[in-house]
C-alpha atoms as a PDB file:
ATOM      1  CA  GLN A   1     -11.151  28.981  14.805  1.00  0.00           C
ATOM      2  CA  VAL A   2     -11.454  25.739  16.744  1.00  0.00           C
ATOM      3  CA  GLN A   3     -11.479  22.486  14.814  1.00  0.00           C
ATOM      4  CA  LEU A   4     -11.699  18.926  16.058  1.00  0.00           C
ATOM      5  CA  VAL A   5     -11.070  16.315  13.389  1.00  0.00           C
ATOM      6  CA  GLU A   6     -11.720  12.665  14.155  1.00  0.00           C
ATOM      7  CA  SER A   7     -10.186   9.754  12.296  1.00  0.00           C
ATOM      8  CA  GLY A   8      -9.596   6.039  12.706  1.00  0.00           C
ATOM      9  CA  GLY A   9     -13.110   4.716  12.360  1.00  0.00           C
ATOM     10  CA  GLY A  10     -14.013   1.797  10.164  1.00  0.00           C
ATOM     11  CA  LEU A  11     -15.367  -1.727   9.992  1.00  0.00           C
ATOM     12  CA  VAL A  12     -14.003  -4.232  12.491  1.00  0.00           C
ATOM     13  CA  GLN A  13     -15.010  -7.714  13.552  1.00  0.00           C
ATOM     14  CA  PRO A  14     -16.287  -8.425  17.055  1.00  0.00           C
ATOM     15  CA  GLY A  15     -13.338  -8.778  19.410  1.00  0.00           C
ATOM     16  CA  GLY A  16     -11.194  -6.513  17.292  1.00  0.00           C
ATOM     17  CA  SER A  17      -9.566  -3.190  18.072  1.00  0.00           C
ATOM     18  CA  LEU A  18      -9.534   0.332  16.700  1.00  0.00           C
ATOM     19  CA  ARG A  19      -7.819   3.520  17.745  1.00  0.00           C
ATOM     20  CA  LEU A  20      -9.642   6.771  17.164  1.00  0.00           C
ATOM     21  CA  SER A  21      -7.783  10.065  16.936  1.00  0.00           C
ATOM     22  CA  CYS A  22      -9.017  13.598  17.493  1.00  0.00           C
ATOM     23  CA  ALA A  23      -6.676  16.244  16.122  1.00  0.00           C
ATOM     24  CA  ALA A  24      -7.383  19.653  17.643  1.00  0.00           C
ATOM     25  CA  SER A  25      -6.521  23.085  16.326  1.00  0.00           C
ATOM     26  CA  GLY A  26      -7.327  26.463  17.806  1.00  0.00           C
ATOM     27  CA  ILE A  27      -7.652  24.927  21.258  1.00  0.00           C
ATOM     28  CA  SER A  28      -5.255  23.224  23.630  1.00  0.00           C
ATOM     29  CA  THR A  29      -6.167  19.654  24.484  1.00  0.00           C
ATOM     30  CA  ARG A  30      -3.930  19.977  27.545  1.00  0.00           C
ATOM     31  CA  SER A  31      -5.997  22.769  29.083  1.00  0.00           C
ATOM     32  CA  SER A  32      -9.407  21.443  28.076  1.00  0.00           C
ATOM     33  CA  ALA A  33     -11.609  18.583  29.188  1.00  0.00           C
ATOM     34  CA  MET A  34     -11.579  16.263  26.201  1.00  0.00           C
ATOM     35  CA  SER A  35     -14.245  13.644  25.681  1.00  0.00           C
ATOM     36  CA  TRP A  36     -15.453  10.999  23.294  1.00  0.00           C
ATOM     37  CA  TYR A  37     -19.185  10.611  22.761  1.00  0.00           C
ATOM     38  CA  ARG A  38     -21.027   8.192  20.525  1.00  0.00           C
ATOM     39  CA  GLN A  39     -24.408   8.019  18.890  1.00  0.00           C
ATOM     40  CA  ALA A  40     -25.875   4.777  17.644  1.00  0.00           C
ATOM     41  CA  PRO A  41     -28.707   4.728  15.084  1.00  0.00           C
ATOM     42  CA  GLY A  42     -31.972   5.718  16.711  1.00  0.00           C
ATOM     43  CA  LYS A  43     -30.334   6.489  20.037  1.00  0.00           C
ATOM     44  CA  GLN A  44     -29.239   9.577  21.918  1.00  0.00           C
ATOM     45  CA  ARG A  45     -25.646  10.697  21.996  1.00  0.00           C
ATOM     46  CA  GLU A  46     -23.872   9.352  25.067  1.00  0.00           C
ATOM     47  CA  LEU A  47     -20.615  10.039  26.849  1.00  0.00           C
ATOM     48  CA  VAL A  48     -18.057   7.275  26.420  1.00  0.00           C
ATOM     49  CA  ALA A  49     -14.882   8.619  27.998  1.00  0.00           C
ATOM     50  CA  VAL A  50     -13.438  11.862  29.309  1.00  0.00           C
ATOM     51  CA  ILE A  51      -9.995  13.082  30.275  1.00  0.00           C
ATOM     52  CA  SER A  52      -9.765  16.239  32.331  1.00  0.00           C
ATOM     53  CA  SER A  53      -7.121  18.913  32.004  1.00  0.00           C
ATOM     54  CA  GLU A  54      -5.489  17.358  35.090  1.00  0.00           C
ATOM     55  CA  GLY A  55      -5.420  13.944  33.417  1.00  0.00           C
ATOM     56  CA  THR A  56      -8.229  12.309  35.348  1.00  0.00           C
ATOM     57  CA  THR A  57     -10.178   9.820  33.246  1.00  0.00           C
ATOM     58  CA  ASN A  58     -13.688   8.460  33.487  1.00  0.00           C
ATOM     59  CA  TYR A  59     -15.569   5.934  31.391  1.00  0.00           C
ATOM     60  CA  LYS A  60     -19.051   4.722  30.636  1.00  0.00           C
ATOM     61  CA  ASP A  61     -19.553   1.526  32.603  1.00  0.00           C
ATOM     62  CA  SER A  62     -20.027  -0.649  29.538  1.00  0.00           C
ATOM     63  CA  VAL A  63     -16.597   0.284  28.108  1.00  0.00           C
ATOM     64  CA  LYS A  64     -14.531   0.152  31.297  1.00  0.00           C
ATOM     65  CA  GLY A  65     -11.608  -2.198  30.885  1.00  0.00           C
ATOM     66  CA  ARG A  66     -11.961  -2.170  27.091  1.00  0.00           C
ATOM     67  CA  PHE A  67     -11.514   1.497  26.092  1.00  0.00           C
ATOM     68  CA  THR A  68      -8.718   3.863  27.031  1.00  0.00           C
ATOM     69  CA  ILE A  69      -8.679   7.614  26.492  1.00  0.00           C
ATOM     70  CA  SER A  70      -5.326   9.350  26.290  1.00  0.00           C
ATOM     71  CA  ARG A  71      -3.839  12.659  25.257  1.00  0.00           C
ATOM     72  CA  ASP A  72      -0.697  13.616  23.346  1.00  0.00           C
ATOM     73  CA  ASN A  73       0.026  17.176  24.370  1.00  0.00           C
ATOM     74  CA  ALA A  74       2.889  17.601  21.919  1.00  0.00           C
ATOM     75  CA  ASN A  75       0.608  16.830  18.984  1.00  0.00           C
ATOM     76  CA  ASN A  76      -2.550  18.342  20.495  1.00  0.00           C
ATOM     77  CA  THR A  77      -4.361  15.079  19.855  1.00  0.00           C
ATOM     78  CA  VAL A  78      -6.650  12.885  21.915  1.00  0.00           C
ATOM     79  CA  TYR A  79      -7.037   9.165  21.336  1.00  0.00           C
ATOM     80  CA  LEU A  80      -9.555   6.480  22.144  1.00  0.00           C
ATOM     81  CA  GLN A  81      -8.122   2.984  22.097  1.00  0.00           C
ATOM     82  CA  MET A  82     -10.958   0.507  21.754  1.00  0.00           C
ATOM     83  CA  ASN A  83     -10.340  -3.178  22.381  1.00  0.00           C
ATOM     84  CA  SER A  84     -12.613  -6.212  22.534  1.00  0.00           C
ATOM     85  CA  LEU A  85     -15.159  -4.404  20.414  1.00  0.00           C
ATOM     86  CA  LYS A  86     -18.750  -5.560  20.454  1.00  0.00           C
ATOM     87  CA  ALA A  87     -21.625  -5.079  18.043  1.00  0.00           C
ATOM     88  CA  GLU A  88     -23.220  -2.674  20.513  1.00  0.00           C
ATOM     89  CA  ASP A  89     -20.207  -0.380  20.171  1.00  0.00           C
ATOM     90  CA  THR A  90     -21.335   0.422  16.626  1.00  0.00           C
ATOM     91  CA  ALA A  91     -21.940   4.169  16.439  1.00  0.00           C
ATOM     92  CA  ILE A  92     -20.659   7.467  15.195  1.00  0.00           C
ATOM     93  CA  TYR A  93     -17.955   8.605  17.604  1.00  0.00           C
ATOM     94  CA  PHE A  94     -17.574  12.319  18.276  1.00  0.00           C
ATOM     95  CA  CYS A  95     -14.754  14.254  19.853  1.00  0.00           C
ATOM     96  CA  HIS A  96     -15.725  17.017  22.280  1.00  0.00           C
ATOM     97  CA  ALA A  97     -13.699  19.767  23.923  1.00  0.00           C
ATOM     98  CA  ALA A  98     -14.825  21.778  26.918  1.00  0.00           C
ATOM     99  CA  ARG A  99     -13.331  24.900  28.394  1.00  0.00           C
ATOM    100  CA  PHE A 100     -15.530  25.224  31.443  1.00  0.00           C
ATOM    101  CA  GLY A 101     -13.802  28.332  32.724  1.00  0.00           C
ATOM    102  CA  VAL A 102     -14.996  30.357  29.738  1.00  0.00           C
ATOM    103  CA  GLY A 103     -18.096  28.330  28.918  1.00  0.00           C
ATOM    104  CA  MET A 104     -16.889  27.232  25.482  1.00  0.00           C
ATOM    105  CA  PHE A 105     -17.703  23.820  24.009  1.00  0.00           C
ATOM    106  CA  TYR A 106     -16.800  22.284  20.660  1.00  0.00           C
ATOM    107  CA  TRP A 107     -17.701  19.197  18.634  1.00  0.00           C
ATOM    108  CA  GLY A 108     -16.022  17.327  15.855  1.00  0.00           C
ATOM    109  CA  LYS A 109     -17.993  15.921  12.927  1.00  0.00           C
ATOM    110  CA  GLY A 110     -17.576  12.312  13.966  1.00  0.00           C
ATOM    111  CA  THR A 111     -16.157   9.071  12.667  1.00  0.00           C
ATOM    112  CA  LEU A 112     -18.165   5.907  12.076  1.00  0.00           C
ATOM    113  CA  VAL A 113     -17.282   2.694  13.870  1.00  0.00           C
ATOM    114  CA  THR A 114     -19.022  -0.463  12.703  1.00  0.00           C
ATOM    115  CA  VAL A 115     -18.511  -3.712  14.577  1.00  0.00           C
ATOM    116  CA  SER A 116     -19.799  -6.606  12.529  1.00  0.00           C
ATOM    117  CA  SER A 117     -18.804 -10.023  11.286  1.00  0.00           C
END
């Protein structure tokens, strides 16, 4: 059974930093495309960052230069380092795993990030 468990969310002041973690079980983060999505209140879920199985990364324009996605293959965990946080980054952040070769996709339950003074 595949599980993605996010952690690291919380309340942070504007300009602050947080690091989100996504611990995976039942699936290899090394051989999957791993992504972070977010959903703000009243808005659609949107892609924030992705790291491919080859290690290629891509980011939503508004987080480029502030967020970094990375992967720890030994611990089967994916991270999202978020710096210079803004109020508009407030959302529930979800971890997503994709195995395109077999058409399998998985979601975590999310972790709430609130950026407020």
